[in-house]
Amino acid sequence: MTEQKPYSDMTEHELHSEIARLREKARKAEQLGIINEFAVLERKATMAAAYLLDPADFKPGEVYRIEGDPNVYFQIDYLKGRFAWGYRMGGEKHTEALPISMLRPLKEGK
């Protein structure tokens, strides 16, 4: 088995290839009904996608949509690496971290 290169060391091309590979494996796992493997592979693809984004584009104090969770909004308190730490709007303020690739600006269309 070859050792996997960390996402932080991959080029943009390598990241796109890795995301495509993970999504294909996730699709196959879903077809086979292996839901937990599907979820893990989807999360890995989401993390790889975070390395294609610039954390400087995400601002503490701003509110973002959460991809895959319609009508739920996330306010960033601070950023650490490729994660935005903050809380979901409208509920109790439990701090959590989301990969920046899960966040979409409010200005974007649904």
PDB file of N, CA and C in Angstrom:
ATOM      1  N   MET A   1       0.850  -1.187   0.000  1.00  0.00           N
ATOM      2  CA  MET A   1       0.000   0.000   0.000  1.00  0.00           C
ATOM      3  C   MET A   1       0.889   1.241   0.000  1.00  0.00           C
ATOM      4  N   THR A   2       0.601   2.174  -0.879  1.00  0.00           N
ATOM      5  CA  THR A   2       1.391   3.398  -0.932  1.00  0.00           C
ATOM      6  C   THR A   2       0.930   4.351   0.154  1.00  0.00           C
ATOM      7  N   GLU A   3       1.888   5.111   0.654  1.00  0.00           N
ATOM      8  CA  GLU A   3       1.565   6.057   1.710  1.00  0.00           C
ATOM      9  C   GLU A   3       0.903   7.286   1.095  1.00  0.00           C
ATOM     10  N   GLN A   4      -0.192   7.716   1.708  1.00  0.00           N
ATOM     11  CA  GLN A   4      -0.954   8.860   1.204  1.00  0.00           C
ATOM     12  C   GLN A   4      -0.238  10.162   1.551  1.00  0.00           C
ATOM     13  N   LYS A   5      -0.109  11.034   0.593  1.00  0.00           N
ATOM     14  CA  LYS A   5       0.485  12.352   0.778  1.00  0.00           C
ATOM     15  C   LYS A   5      -0.526  13.228   1.523  1.00  0.00           C
ATOM     16  N   PRO A   6      -0.091  14.034   2.487  1.00  0.00           N
ATOM     17  CA  PRO A   6      -1.037  14.933   3.171  1.00  0.00           C
ATOM     18  C   PRO A   6      -1.651  15.932   2.182  1.00  0.00           C
ATOM     19  N   TYR A   7      -2.905  16.271   2.407  1.00  0.00           N
ATOM     20  CA  TYR A   7      -3.579  17.224   1.522  1.00  0.00           C
ATOM     21  C   TYR A   7      -2.807  18.536   1.418  1.00  0.00           C
ATOM     22  N   SER A   8      -2.189  18.951   2.504  1.00  0.00           N
ATOM     23  CA  SER A   8      -1.454  20.221   2.510  1.00  0.00           C
ATOM     24  C   SER A   8      -0.242  20.189   1.578  1.00  0.00           C
ATOM     25  N   ASP A   9       0.254  18.998   1.241  1.00  0.00           N
ATOM     26  CA  ASP A   9       1.407  18.870   0.349  1.00  0.00           C
ATOM     27  C   ASP A   9       1.008  18.622  -1.102  1.00  0.00           C
ATOM     28  N   MET A  10      -0.281  18.452  -1.373  1.00  0.00           N
ATOM     29  CA  MET A  10      -0.734  18.157  -2.733  1.00  0.00           C
ATOM     30  C   MET A  10      -0.873  19.430  -3.568  1.00  0.00           C
ATOM     31  N   THR A  11      -0.647  19.255  -4.878  1.00  0.00           N
ATOM     32  CA  THR A  11      -0.881  20.350  -5.807  1.00  0.00           C
ATOM     33  C   THR A  11      -2.391  20.451  -6.060  1.00  0.00           C
ATOM     34  N   GLU A  12      -2.799  21.517  -6.713  1.00  0.00           N
ATOM     35  CA  GLU A  12      -4.216  21.682  -7.039  1.00  0.00           C
ATOM     36  C   GLU A  12      -4.712  20.516  -7.904  1.00  0.00           C
ATOM     37  N   HIS A  13      -3.911  20.112  -8.874  1.00  0.00           N
ATOM     38  CA  HIS A  13      -4.276  18.980  -9.740  1.00  0.00           C
ATOM     39  C   HIS A  13      -4.425  17.696  -8.919  1.00  0.00           C
ATOM     40  N   GLU A  14      -3.477  17.451  -8.019  1.00  0.00           N
ATOM     41  CA  GLU A  14      -3.543  16.253  -7.181  1.00  0.00           C
ATOM     42  C   GLU A  14      -4.785  16.265  -6.295  1.00  0.00           C
ATOM     43  N   LEU A  15      -5.122  17.448  -5.769  1.00  0.00           N
ATOM     44  CA  LEU A  15      -6.326  17.556  -4.926  1.00  0.00           C
ATOM     45  C   LEU A  15      -7.588  17.253  -5.733  1.00  0.00           C
ATOM     46  N   HIS A  16      -7.682  17.808  -6.943  1.00  0.00           N
ATOM     47  CA  HIS A  16      -8.847  17.527  -7.781  1.00  0.00           C
ATOM     48  C   HIS A  16      -8.954  16.030  -8.094  1.00  0.00           C
ATOM     49  N   SER A  17      -7.818  15.395  -8.374  1.00  0.00           N
ATOM     50  CA  SER A  17      -7.806  13.951  -8.645  1.00  0.00           C
ATOM     51  C   SER A  17      -8.224  13.161  -7.412  1.00  0.00           C
ATOM     52  N   GLU A  18      -7.721  13.546  -6.256  1.00  0.00           N
ATOM     53  CA  GLU A  18      -8.059  12.858  -5.008  1.00  0.00           C
ATOM     54  C   GLU A  18      -9.551  13.004  -4.693  1.00  0.00           C
ATOM     55  N   ILE A  19     -10.102  14.198  -4.887  1.00  0.00           N
ATOM     56  CA  ILE A  19     -11.529  14.426  -4.638  1.00  0.00           C
ATOM     57  C   ILE A  19     -12.367  13.542  -5.567  1.00  0.00           C
ATOM     58  N   ALA A  20     -11.995  13.499  -6.840  1.00  0.00           N
ATOM     59  CA  ALA A  20     -12.729  12.659  -7.802  1.00  0.00           C
ATOM     60  C   ALA A  20     -12.644  11.189  -7.405  1.00  0.00           C
ATOM     61  N   ARG A  21     -11.457  10.730  -6.986  1.00  0.00           N
ATOM     62  CA  ARG A  21     -11.269   9.341  -6.571  1.00  0.00           C
ATOM     63  C   ARG A  21     -12.131   9.022  -5.342  1.00  0.00           C
ATOM     64  N   LEU A  22     -12.121   9.918  -4.365  1.00  0.00           N
ATOM     65  CA  LEU A  22     -12.909   9.696  -3.146  1.00  0.00           C
ATOM     66  C   LEU A  22     -14.403   9.698  -3.432  1.00  0.00           C
ATOM     67  N   ARG A  23     -14.849  10.608  -4.283  1.00  0.00           N
ATOM     68  CA  ARG A  23     -16.284  10.671  -4.603  1.00  0.00           C
ATOM     69  C   ARG A  23     -16.738   9.429  -5.365  1.00  0.00           C
ATOM     70  N   GLU A  24     -15.875   8.903  -6.232  1.00  0.00           N
ATOM     71  CA  GLU A  24     -16.206   7.675  -6.960  1.00  0.00           C
ATOM     72  C   GLU A  24     -16.298   6.489  -5.994  1.00  0.00           C
ATOM     73  N   LYS A  25     -15.348   6.394  -5.063  1.00  0.00           N
ATOM     74  CA  LYS A  25     -15.390   5.323  -4.063  1.00  0.00           C
ATOM     75  C   LYS A  25     -16.637   5.465  -3.181  1.00  0.00           C
ATOM     76  N   ALA A  26     -16.993   6.714  -2.852  1.00  0.00           N
ATOM     77  CA  ALA A  26     -18.188   6.961  -2.033  1.00  0.00           C
ATOM     78  C   ALA A  26     -19.446   6.541  -2.787  1.00  0.00           C
ATOM     79  N   ARG A  27     -19.489   6.845  -4.076  1.00  0.00           N
ATOM     80  CA  ARG A  27     -20.647   6.459  -4.890  1.00  0.00           C
ATOM     81  C   ARG A  27     -20.809   4.936  -4.897  1.00  0.00           C
ATOM     82  N   LYS A  28     -19.690   4.233  -5.059  1.00  0.00           N
ATOM     83  CA  LYS A  28     -19.743   2.772  -5.070  1.00  0.00           C
ATOM     84  C   LYS A  28     -20.168   2.226  -3.708  1.00  0.00           C
ATOM     85  N   ALA A  29     -19.662   2.814  -2.636  1.00  0.00           N
ATOM     86  CA  ALA A  29     -20.041   2.373  -1.287  1.00  0.00           C
ATOM     87  C   ALA A  29     -21.536   2.592  -1.060  1.00  0.00           C
ATOM     88  N   GLU A  30     -22.047   3.724  -1.542  1.00  0.00           N
ATOM     89  CA  GLU A  30     -23.482   4.010  -1.393  1.00  0.00           C
ATOM     90  C   GLU A  30     -24.307   2.980  -2.164  1.00  0.00           C
ATOM     91  N   GLN A  31     -23.882   2.643  -3.383  1.00  0.00           N
ATOM     92  CA  GLN A  31     -24.601   1.655  -4.186  1.00  0.00           C
ATOM     93  C   GLN A  31     -24.616   0.288  -3.516  1.00  0.00           C
ATOM     94  N   LEU A  32     -23.537  -0.023  -2.804  1.00  0.00           N
ATOM     95  CA  LEU A  32     -23.445  -1.307  -2.104  1.00  0.00           C
ATOM     96  C   LEU A  32     -24.123  -1.269  -0.732  1.00  0.00           C
ATOM     97  N   GLY A  33     -24.614  -0.089  -0.355  1.00  0.00           N
ATOM     98  CA  GLY A  33     -25.306   0.037   0.922  1.00  0.00           C
ATOM     99  C   GLY A  33     -24.381   0.124   2.127  1.00  0.00           C
ATOM    100  N   ILE A  34     -23.112   0.452   1.899  1.00  0.00           N
ATOM    101  CA  ILE A  34     -22.151   0.582   3.000  1.00  0.00           C
ATOM    102  C   ILE A  34     -22.147   2.057   3.422  1.00  0.00           C
ATOM    103  N   ILE A  35     -23.137   2.412   4.220  1.00  0.00           N
ATOM    104  CA  ILE A  35     -23.393   3.822   4.535  1.00  0.00           C
ATOM    105  C   ILE A  35     -22.267   4.470   5.340  1.00  0.00           C
ATOM    106  N   ASN A  36     -21.699   3.750   6.321  1.00  0.00           N
ATOM    107  CA  ASN A  36     -20.645   4.379   7.112  1.00  0.00           C
ATOM    108  C   ASN A  36     -19.385   4.627   6.268  1.00  0.00           C
ATOM    109  N   GLU A  37     -19.056   3.728   5.350  1.00  0.00           N
ATOM    110  CA  GLU A  37     -17.913   3.968   4.462  1.00  0.00           C
ATOM    111  C   GLU A  37     -18.208   5.145   3.538  1.00  0.00           C
ATOM    112  N   PHE A  38     -19.437   5.226   3.046  1.00  0.00           N
ATOM    113  CA  PHE A  38     -19.861   6.354   2.216  1.00  0.00           C
ATOM    114  C   PHE A  38     -19.641   7.669   2.959  1.00  0.00           C
ATOM    115  N   ALA A  39     -20.087   7.732   4.220  1.00  0.00           N
ATOM    116  CA  ALA A  39     -19.969   8.969   5.011  1.00  0.00           C
ATOM    117  C   ALA A  39     -18.508   9.359   5.226  1.00  0.00           C
ATOM    118  N   VAL A  40     -17.660   8.382   5.507  1.00  0.00           N
ATOM    119  CA  VAL A  40     -16.233   8.657   5.727  1.00  0.00           C
ATOM    120  C   VAL A  40     -15.589   9.186   4.445  1.00  0.00           C
ATOM    121  N   LEU A  41     -15.879   8.568   3.321  1.00  0.00           N
ATOM    122  CA  LEU A  41     -15.295   8.998   2.051  1.00  0.00           C
ATOM    123  C   LEU A  41     -15.785  10.388   1.648  1.00  0.00           C
ATOM    124  N   GLU A  42     -17.059  10.666   1.885  1.00  0.00           N
ATOM    125  CA  GLU A  42     -17.591  12.006   1.588  1.00  0.00           C
ATOM    126  C   GLU A  42     -16.900  13.064   2.451  1.00  0.00           C
ATOM    127  N   ARG A  43     -16.678  12.736   3.724  1.00  0.00           N
ATOM    128  CA  ARG A  43     -16.012  13.685   4.637  1.00  0.00           C
ATOM    129  C   ARG A  43     -14.567  13.915   4.201  1.00  0.00           C
ATOM    130  N   LYS A  44     -13.890  12.863   3.752  1.00  0.00           N
ATOM    131  CA  LYS A  44     -12.522  13.020   3.258  1.00  0.00           C
ATOM    132  C   LYS A  44     -12.491  13.919   2.023  1.00  0.00           C
ATOM    133  N   ALA A  45     -13.456  13.748   1.133  1.00  0.00           N
ATOM    134  CA  ALA A  45     -13.529  14.594  -0.068  1.00  0.00           C
ATOM    135  C   ALA A  45     -13.776  16.049   0.323  1.00  0.00           C
ATOM    136  N   THR A  46     -14.617  16.260   1.323  1.00  0.00           N
ATOM    137  CA  THR A  46     -14.890  17.615   1.815  1.00  0.00           C
ATOM    138  C   THR A  46     -13.622  18.239   2.382  1.00  0.00           C
ATOM    139  N   MET A  47     -12.858  17.443   3.130  1.00  0.00           N
ATOM    140  CA  MET A  47     -11.602  17.954   3.696  1.00  0.00           C
ATOM    141  C   MET A  47     -10.596  18.274   2.591  1.00  0.00           C
ATOM    142  N   ALA A  48     -10.483  17.411   1.598  1.00  0.00           N
ATOM    143  CA  ALA A  48      -9.569  17.682   0.486  1.00  0.00           C
ATOM    144  C   ALA A  48      -9.973  18.963  -0.230  1.00  0.00           C
ATOM    145  N   ALA A  49     -11.273  19.170  -0.405  1.00  0.00           N
ATOM    146  CA  ALA A  49     -11.768  20.379  -1.068  1.00  0.00           C
ATOM    147  C   ALA A  49     -11.418  21.637  -0.281  1.00  0.00           C
ATOM    148  N   ALA A  50     -11.313  21.530   1.030  1.00  0.00           N
ATOM    149  CA  ALA A  50     -10.958  22.689   1.858  1.00  0.00           C
ATOM    150  C   ALA A  50      -9.565  23.205   1.506  1.00  0.00           C
ATOM    151  N   TYR A  51      -8.692  22.324   1.034  1.00  0.00           N
ATOM    152  CA  TYR A  51      -7.336  22.729   0.674  1.00  0.00           C
ATOM    153  C   TYR A  51      -7.270  23.425  -0.682  1.00  0.00           C
ATOM    154  N   LEU A  52      -8.381  23.473  -1.399  1.00  0.00           N
ATOM    155  CA  LEU A  52      -8.451  24.234  -2.653  1.00  0.00           C
ATOM    156  C   LEU A  52      -8.890  25.677  -2.397  1.00  0.00           C
ATOM    157  N   LEU A  53      -9.295  25.968  -1.153  1.00  0.00           N
ATOM    158  CA  LEU A  53      -9.811  27.292  -0.815  1.00  0.00           C
ATOM    159  C   LEU A  53      -8.801  28.069   0.018  1.00  0.00           C
ATOM    160  N   ASP A  54      -8.912  29.390  -0.016  1.00  0.00           N
ATOM    161  CA  ASP A  54      -8.048  30.263   0.775  1.00  0.00           C
ATOM    162  C   ASP A  54      -8.784  30.641   2.057  1.00  0.00           C
ATOM    163  N   PRO A  55      -8.256  30.258   3.218  1.00  0.00           N
ATOM    164  CA  PRO A  55      -8.921  30.613   4.476  1.00  0.00           C
ATOM    165  C   PRO A  55      -9.112  32.127   4.650  1.00  0.00           C
ATOM    166  N   ALA A  56      -8.281  32.924   4.000  1.00  0.00           N
ATOM    167  CA  ALA A  56      -8.411  34.379   4.106  1.00  0.00           C
ATOM    168  C   ALA A  56      -9.715  34.887   3.490  1.00  0.00           C
ATOM    169  N   ASP A  57     -10.364  34.064   2.672  1.00  0.00           N
ATOM    170  CA  ASP A  57     -11.644  34.454   2.067  1.00  0.00           C
ATOM    171  C   ASP A  57     -12.810  34.329   3.052  1.00  0.00           C
ATOM    172  N   PHE A  58     -12.568  33.731   4.205  1.00  0.00           N
ATOM    173  CA  PHE A  58     -13.605  33.519   5.216  1.00  0.00           C
ATOM    174  C   PHE A  58     -13.321  34.439   6.387  1.00  0.00           C
ATOM    175  N   LYS A  59     -14.322  35.239   6.770  1.00  0.00           N
ATOM    176  CA  LYS A  59     -14.119  36.290   7.761  1.00  0.00           C
ATOM    177  C   LYS A  59     -14.841  35.989   9.071  1.00  0.00           C
ATOM    178  N   PRO A  60     -14.114  36.059  10.190  1.00  0.00           N
ATOM    179  CA  PRO A  60     -14.767  35.930  11.497  1.00  0.00           C
ATOM    180  C   PRO A  60     -15.859  36.991  11.652  1.00  0.00           C
ATOM    181  N   GLY A  61     -16.970  36.585  12.264  1.00  0.00           N
ATOM    182  CA  GLY A  61     -18.108  37.481  12.449  1.00  0.00           C
ATOM    183  C   GLY A  61     -19.134  37.395  11.337  1.00  0.00           C
ATOM    184  N   GLU A  62     -18.737  36.856  10.177  1.00  0.00           N
ATOM    185  CA  GLU A  62     -19.677  36.743   9.064  1.00  0.00           C
ATOM    186  C   GLU A  62     -20.469  35.443   9.155  1.00  0.00           C
ATOM    187  N   VAL A  63     -21.633  35.457   8.506  1.00  0.00           N
ATOM    188  CA  VAL A  63     -22.534  34.308   8.508  1.00  0.00           C
ATOM    189  C   VAL A  63     -22.509  33.666   7.122  1.00  0.00           C
ATOM    190  N   TYR A  64     -22.487  32.341   7.099  1.00  0.00           N
ATOM    191  CA  TYR A  64     -22.420  31.569   5.863  1.00  0.00           C
ATOM    192  C   TYR A  64     -23.511  30.504   5.849  1.00  0.00           C
ATOM    193  N   ARG A  65     -23.893  30.067   4.650  1.00  0.00           N
ATOM    194  CA  ARG A  65     -24.765  28.902   4.498  1.00  0.00           C
ATOM    195  C   ARG A  65     -23.916  27.656   4.692  1.00  0.00           C
ATOM    196  N   ILE A  66     -24.535  26.584   5.166  1.00  0.00           N
ATOM    197  CA  ILE A  66     -23.841  25.305   5.285  1.00  0.00           C
ATOM    198  C   ILE A  66     -24.278  24.429   4.122  1.00  0.00           C
ATOM    199  N   GLU A  67     -23.313  24.009   3.302  1.00  0.00           N
ATOM    200  CA  GLU A  67     -23.629  23.170   2.151  1.00  0.00           C
ATOM    201  C   GLU A  67     -24.246  21.860   2.622  1.00  0.00           C
ATOM    202  N   GLY A  68     -25.331  21.473   1.988  1.00  0.00           N
ATOM    203  CA  GLY A  68     -25.991  20.221   2.328  1.00  0.00           C
ATOM    204  C   GLY A  68     -26.938  20.322   3.508  1.00  0.00           C
ATOM    205  N   ASP A  69     -27.083  21.503   4.072  1.00  0.00           N
ATOM    206  CA  ASP A  69     -27.973  21.707   5.215  1.00  0.00           C
ATOM    207  C   ASP A  69     -28.785  22.983   4.957  1.00  0.00           C
ATOM    208  N   PRO A  70     -29.822  22.876   4.116  1.00  0.00           N
ATOM    209  CA  PRO A  70     -30.565  24.067   3.702  1.00  0.00           C
ATOM    210  C   PRO A  70     -31.175  24.820   4.878  1.00  0.00           C
ATOM    211  N   ASN A  71     -31.187  26.122   4.746  1.00  0.00           N
ATOM    212  CA  ASN A  71     -31.769  27.033   5.738  1.00  0.00           C
ATOM    213  C   ASN A  71     -31.080  26.977   7.096  1.00  0.00           C
ATOM    214  N   VAL A  72     -29.837  26.501   7.123  1.00  0.00           N
ATOM    215  CA  VAL A  72     -29.043  26.528   8.351  1.00  0.00           C
ATOM    216  C   VAL A  72     -27.847  27.426   8.078  1.00  0.00           C
ATOM    217  N   TYR A  73     -27.581  28.314   9.012  1.00  0.00           N
ATOM    218  CA  TYR A  73     -26.519  29.292   8.845  1.00  0.00           C
ATOM    219  C   TYR A  73     -25.490  29.135   9.950  1.00  0.00           C
ATOM    220  N   PHE A  74     -24.254  29.503   9.627  1.00  0.00           N
ATOM    221  CA  PHE A  74     -23.127  29.310  10.531  1.00  0.00           C
ATOM    222  C   PHE A  74     -22.373  30.619  10.661  1.00  0.00           C
ATOM    223  N   GLN A  75     -22.168  31.068  11.884  1.00  0.00           N
ATOM    224  CA  GLN A  75     -21.394  32.282  12.117  1.00  0.00           C
ATOM    225  C   GLN A  75     -19.998  31.890  12.585  1.00  0.00           C
ATOM    226  N   ILE A  76     -19.004  32.431  11.898  1.00  0.00           N
ATOM    227  CA  ILE A  76     -17.607  32.122  12.228  1.00  0.00           C
ATOM    228  C   ILE A  76     -17.135  33.002  13.381  1.00  0.00           C
ATOM    229  N   ASP A  77     -16.571  32.361  14.398  1.00  0.00           N
ATOM    230  CA  ASP A  77     -15.904  33.088  15.480  1.00  0.00           C
ATOM    231  C   ASP A  77     -14.424  33.271  15.155  1.00  0.00           C
ATOM    232  N   TYR A  78     -13.782  32.194  14.692  1.00  0.00           N
ATOM    233  CA  TYR A  78     -12.370  32.276  14.302  1.00  0.00           C
ATOM    234  C   TYR A  78     -12.030  31.115  13.378  1.00  0.00           C
ATOM    235  N   LEU A  79     -10.898  31.233  12.723  1.00  0.00           N
ATOM    236  CA  LEU A  79     -10.408  30.196  11.811  1.00  0.00           C
ATOM    237  C   LEU A  79      -9.132  29.595  12.379  1.00  0.00           C
ATOM    238  N   LYS A  80      -8.990  28.295  12.187  1.00  0.00           N
ATOM    239  CA  LYS A  80      -7.761  27.614  12.576  1.00  0.00           C
ATOM    240  C   LYS A  80      -7.481  26.584  11.483  1.00  0.00           C
ATOM    241  N   GLY A  81      -6.448  26.837  10.696  1.00  0.00           N
ATOM    242  CA  GLY A  81      -6.144  25.969   9.570  1.00  0.00           C
ATOM    243  C   GLY A  81      -7.259  26.038   8.544  1.00  0.00           C
ATOM    244  N   ARG A  82      -7.781  24.898   8.166  1.00  0.00           N
ATOM    245  CA  ARG A  82      -8.852  24.822   7.158  1.00  0.00           C
ATOM    246  C   ARG A  82     -10.220  24.659   7.807  1.00  0.00           C
ATOM    247  N   PHE A  83     -10.304  24.962   9.109  1.00  0.00           N
ATOM    248  CA  PHE A  83     -11.569  24.849   9.831  1.00  0.00           C
ATOM    249  C   PHE A  83     -12.044  26.216  10.293  1.00  0.00           C
ATOM    250  N   ALA A  84     -13.354  26.411  10.188  1.00  0.00           N
ATOM    251  CA  ALA A  84     -14.006  27.598  10.734  1.00  0.00           C
ATOM    252  C   ALA A  84     -14.681  27.170  12.038  1.00  0.00           C
ATOM    253  N   TRP A  85     -14.344  27.848  13.106  1.00  0.00           N
ATOM    254  CA  TRP A  85     -14.948  27.571  14.409  1.00  0.00           C
ATOM    255  C   TRP A  85     -16.019  28.609  14.664  1.00  0.00           C
ATOM    256  N   GLY A  86     -17.182  28.148  15.120  1.00  0.00           N
ATOM    257  CA  GLY A  86     -18.285  29.055  15.393  1.00  0.00           C
ATOM    258  C   GLY A  86     -19.502  28.263  15.809  1.00  0.00           C
ATOM    259  N   TYR A  87     -20.677  28.768  15.447  1.00  0.00           N
ATOM    260  CA  TYR A  87     -21.913  28.095  15.855  1.00  0.00           C
ATOM    261  C   TYR A  87     -22.995  28.288  14.808  1.00  0.00           C
ATOM    262  N   ARG A  88     -23.941  27.356  14.845  1.00  0.00           N
ATOM    263  CA  ARG A  88     -25.102  27.426  13.952  1.00  0.00           C
ATOM    264  C   ARG A  88     -26.087  28.449  14.517  1.00  0.00           C
ATOM    265  N   MET A  89     -26.647  29.236  13.627  1.00  0.00           N
ATOM    266  CA  MET A  89     -27.585  30.287  14.031  1.00  0.00           C
ATOM    267  C   MET A  89     -28.942  29.680  14.380  1.00  0.00           C
ATOM    268  N   GLY A  90     -29.623  30.297  15.316  1.00  0.00           N
ATOM    269  CA  GLY A  90     -31.002  29.921  15.620  1.00  0.00           C
ATOM    270  C   GLY A  90     -31.152  28.894  16.719  1.00  0.00           C
ATOM    271  N   GLY A  91     -30.104  28.328  17.181  1.00  0.00           N
ATOM    272  CA  GLY A  91     -30.198  27.334  18.248  1.00  0.00           C
ATOM    273  C   GLY A  91     -29.321  27.749  19.414  1.00  0.00           C
ATOM    274  N   GLU A  92     -29.020  26.779  20.257  1.00  0.00           N
ATOM    275  CA  GLU A  92     -28.085  27.055  21.330  1.00  0.00           C
ATOM    276  C   GLU A  92     -26.710  27.262  20.715  1.00  0.00           C
ATOM    277  N   LYS A  93     -25.927  28.118  21.327  1.00  0.00           N
ATOM    278  CA  LYS A  93     -24.620  28.456  20.761  1.00  0.00           C
ATOM    279  C   LYS A  93     -23.560  27.447  21.186  1.00  0.00           C
ATOM    280  N   HIS A  94     -23.615  26.257  20.568  1.00  0.00           N
ATOM    281  CA  HIS A  94     -22.593  25.244  20.802  1.00  0.00           C
ATOM    282  C   HIS A  94     -21.495  25.450  19.773  1.00  0.00           C
ATOM    283  N   THR A  95     -20.286  25.689  20.235  1.00  0.00           N
ATOM    284  CA  THR A  95     -19.171  25.892  19.323  1.00  0.00           C
ATOM    285  C   THR A  95     -18.822  24.584  18.629  1.00  0.00           C
ATOM    286  N   GLU A  96     -18.623  24.674  17.323  1.00  0.00           N
ATOM    287  CA  GLU A  96     -18.208  23.519  16.537  1.00  0.00           C
ATOM    288  C   GLU A  96     -17.292  23.997  15.424  1.00  0.00           C
ATOM    289  N   ALA A  97     -16.612  23.052  14.806  1.00  0.00           N
ATOM    290  CA  ALA A  97     -15.712  23.373  13.694  1.00  0.00           C
ATOM    291  C   ALA A  97     -16.230  22.706  12.431  1.00  0.00           C
ATOM    292  N   LEU A  98     -16.222  23.470  11.335  1.00  0.00           N
ATOM    293  CA  LEU A  98     -16.607  22.940  10.030  1.00  0.00           C
ATOM    294  C   LEU A  98     -15.482  23.211   9.047  1.00  0.00           C
ATOM    295  N   PRO A  99     -15.208  22.272   8.151  1.00  0.00           N
ATOM    296  CA  PRO A  99     -14.242  22.566   7.088  1.00  0.00           C
ATOM    297  C   PRO A  99     -14.753  23.742   6.256  1.00  0.00           C
ATOM    298  N   ILE A 100     -13.853  24.623   5.859  1.00  0.00           N
ATOM    299  CA  ILE A 100     -14.289  25.811   5.118  1.00  0.00           C
ATOM    300  C   ILE A 100     -14.963  25.453   3.800  1.00  0.00           C
ATOM    301  N   SER A 101     -14.710  24.263   3.281  1.00  0.00           N
ATOM    302  CA  SER A 101     -15.341  23.846   2.021  1.00  0.00           C
ATOM    303  C   SER A 101     -16.840  23.589   2.185  1.00  0.00           C
ATOM    304  N   MET A 102     -17.329  23.530   3.417  1.00  0.00           N
ATOM    305  CA  MET A 102     -18.768  23.332   3.656  1.00  0.00           C
ATOM    306  C   MET A 102     -19.526  24.656   3.709  1.00  0.00           C
ATOM    307  N   LEU A 103     -18.804  25.776   3.712  1.00  0.00           N
ATOM    308  CA  LEU A 103     -19.437  27.075   3.885  1.00  0.00           C
ATOM    309  C   LEU A 103     -19.600  27.797   2.561  1.00  0.00           C
ATOM    310  N   ARG A 104     -20.771  28.420   2.394  1.00  0.00           N
ATOM    311  CA  ARG A 104     -21.070  29.192   1.193  1.00  0.00           C
ATOM    312  C   ARG A 104     -21.503  30.599   1.618  1.00  0.00           C
ATOM    313  N   PRO A 105     -21.009  31.629   0.928  1.00  0.00           N
ATOM    314  CA  PRO A 105     -21.421  32.994   1.277  1.00  0.00           C
ATOM    315  C   PRO A 105     -22.929  33.171   1.129  1.00  0.00           C
ATOM    316  N   LEU A 106     -23.514  34.014   1.964  1.00  0.00           N
ATOM    317  CA  LEU A 106     -24.938  34.281   1.878  1.00  0.00           C
ATOM    318  C   LEU A 106     -25.308  34.927   0.546  1.00  0.00           C
ATOM    319  N   LYS A 107     -24.383  35.650  -0.048  1.00  0.00           N
ATOM    320  CA  LYS A 107     -24.649  36.360  -1.309  1.00  0.00           C
ATOM    321  C   LYS A 107     -24.862  35.398  -2.470  1.00  0.00           C
ATOM    322  N   GLU A 108     -24.293  34.180  -2.372  1.00  0.00           N
ATOM    323  CA  GLU A 108     -24.493  33.172  -3.423  1.00  0.00           C
ATOM    324  C   GLU A 108     -25.932  32.722  -3.445  1.00  0.00           C
ATOM    325  N   GLY A 109     -26.412  32.392  -4.619  1.00  0.00           N
ATOM    326  CA  GLY A 109     -27.759  31.830  -4.724  1.00  0.00           C
ATOM    327  C   GLY A 109     -27.805  30.438  -4.127  1.00  0.00           C
ATOM    328  N   LYS A 110     -29.014  29.979  -3.820  1.00  0.00           N
ATOM    329  CA  LYS A 110     -29.184  28.639  -3.256  1.00  0.00           C
ATOM    330  C   LYS A 110     -28.838  27.666  -4.305  1.00  0.00           C
TER     331      LYS A 110
END
